[in-house]
């Protein structure tokens, strides 16, 4: 499975679970796509864009389920990031959980099953 990750606030996670779809955070709506991070980008994304915030969640996103709505585009330092040009359906989220960090400080990624 080709997986990327979306960091969500508690309120955003509640919307995804309640409505079965997530339309985007304010930054996503402003930019016209939902920002995701590859596995090796999640910790830096949290540190840069969510510093000091609590109650965060990480959702694994099955990119294959989203098909052509996913585009890999350059962002921070020229790195390619996955962006979704559509709403994120709960059916494309095989795993999610509260944001946690390992002993090394890296974000622990949710796994299905």
Protein backbone atom coordinates (compact mmCIF):
# COMPACT_ATOMS: atom_id res chain seq x y z
CA UNK A 1 0.00 0.00 0.00
CA UNK A 2 1.27 3.43 -0.95
CA UNK A 3 0.68 5.44 2.23
CA UNK A 4 1.07 9.09 3.21
CA UNK A 5 -0.02 10.84 6.40
CA UNK A 6 -2.27 13.73 7.43
CA UNK A 7 -1.83 15.47 10.77
CA UNK A 8 -5.19 16.52 12.18
CA UNK A 9 -6.40 18.40 15.23
CA UNK A 10 -8.86 16.58 17.50
CA UNK A 11 -11.69 18.62 15.99
CA UNK A 12 -10.63 17.73 12.44
CA UNK A 13 -10.33 14.03 13.36
CA UNK A 14 -13.83 14.19 14.86
CA UNK A 15 -15.19 15.65 11.60
CA UNK A 16 -13.55 12.89 9.54
CA UNK A 17 -14.98 10.17 11.79
CA UNK A 18 -18.44 11.77 12.11
CA UNK A 19 -18.95 12.85 8.50
CA UNK A 20 -16.88 10.16 6.78
CA UNK A 21 -15.02 12.84 4.84
CA UNK A 22 -12.52 15.61 5.53
CA UNK A 23 -12.62 18.66 3.27
CA UNK A 24 -9.39 20.18 4.60
CA UNK A 25 -7.81 22.31 7.29
CA UNK A 26 -7.82 26.10 6.79
CA UNK A 27 -4.40 25.94 5.05
CA UNK A 28 -5.66 23.15 2.77
CA UNK A 29 -8.76 25.13 1.81
CA UNK A 30 -6.64 28.24 1.15
CA UNK A 31 -4.15 26.31 -1.02
CA UNK A 32 -6.77 24.29 -2.91
CA UNK A 33 -5.53 20.84 -1.88
CA UNK A 34 -5.06 18.71 1.23
CA UNK A 35 -1.46 18.64 2.42
CA UNK A 36 -0.01 15.23 3.28
CA UNK A 37 3.46 14.06 4.26
CA UNK A 38 5.39 10.94 3.34
CA UNK A 39 6.49 8.75 6.25
CA UNK A 40 9.95 10.34 6.44
CA UNK A 41 8.43 13.87 6.40
CA UNK A 42 5.84 13.58 9.20
CA UNK A 43 8.08 14.46 12.15
CA UNK A 44 9.44 17.57 10.41
CA UNK A 45 5.90 18.59 9.41
CA UNK A 46 4.68 18.29 13.01
CA UNK A 47 7.71 20.16 14.36
CA UNK A 48 7.38 22.96 11.81
CA UNK A 49 3.61 23.43 11.47
CA UNK A 50 2.15 22.06 14.72
CA UNK A 51 4.75 23.04 17.34
CA UNK A 52 3.27 23.38 20.80
CA UNK A 53 -0.15 22.04 19.79
CA UNK A 54 -1.72 19.20 21.74
CA UNK A 55 -4.49 16.78 20.91
CA UNK A 56 -3.11 16.01 17.46
CA UNK A 57 -3.86 12.87 15.47
CA UNK A 58 -2.13 11.17 12.55
CA UNK A 59 -4.16 9.53 9.81
CA UNK A 60 -2.60 7.07 7.37
CA UNK A 61 -3.93 7.71 3.86
CA UNK A 62 -4.05 5.03 1.16
CA UNK A 63 -2.91 7.00 -1.87
CA UNK A 64 -3.93 4.27 -4.33
CA UNK A 65 -7.54 4.63 -3.15
CA UNK A 66 -7.45 8.28 -4.21
CA UNK A 67 -6.09 7.64 -7.70
CA UNK A 68 -5.48 10.68 -9.88
CA UNK A 69 -6.51 13.09 -7.08
CA UNK A 70 -2.98 12.66 -5.64
CA UNK A 71 -0.16 14.77 -7.01
CA UNK A 72 3.43 14.79 -5.73
CA UNK A 73 4.64 18.38 -5.83
CA UNK A 74 7.73 20.25 -4.62
CA UNK A 75 7.47 22.12 -1.36
CA UNK A 76 9.79 22.56 1.62
CA UNK A 77 13.38 22.63 0.36
CA UNK A 78 12.34 21.17 -2.99
CA UNK A 79 11.13 17.91 -1.41
CA UNK A 80 8.15 16.26 -3.10
CA UNK A 81 5.03 16.13 -0.94
CA UNK A 82 1.76 14.34 -1.69
CA UNK A 83 -1.23 16.63 -2.15
CA UNK A 84 -4.87 15.54 -2.55
CA UNK A 85 -6.94 17.58 -5.00
CA UNK A 86 -10.22 16.23 -3.60
CA UNK A 87 -11.87 15.59 -0.27
CA UNK A 88 -10.34 12.88 1.93
CA UNK A 89 -12.84 10.06 2.48
CA UNK A 90 -12.65 7.97 5.63
CA UNK A 91 -12.63 4.90 3.36
CA UNK A 92 -9.08 5.92 2.27
CA UNK A 93 -7.84 6.04 5.91
CA UNK A 94 -6.85 2.50 6.92
CA UNK A 95 -5.36 3.59 10.26
CA UNK A 96 -5.28 6.59 12.57
CA UNK A 97 -4.39 7.42 16.12
CA UNK A 98 -3.31 10.09 18.56
CA UNK A 99 0.05 11.62 17.73
CA UNK A 100 2.77 9.93 19.75
CA UNK A 101 6.54 10.13 19.65
CA UNK A 102 9.11 7.41 20.09
CA UNK A 103 12.15 7.60 22.36
CA UNK A 104 14.08 9.24 19.49
CA UNK A 105 11.49 12.03 19.20
CA UNK A 106 10.16 10.81 15.86
CA UNK A 107 6.41 10.63 15.32
CA UNK A 108 5.11 7.06 15.64
CA UNK A 109 3.05 6.31 12.56
CA UNK A 110 -0.30 4.47 12.81
CA UNK A 111 -0.50 1.06 11.17
CA UNK A 112 -3.58 -0.80 10.02
CA UNK A 113 -4.51 -4.01 11.77
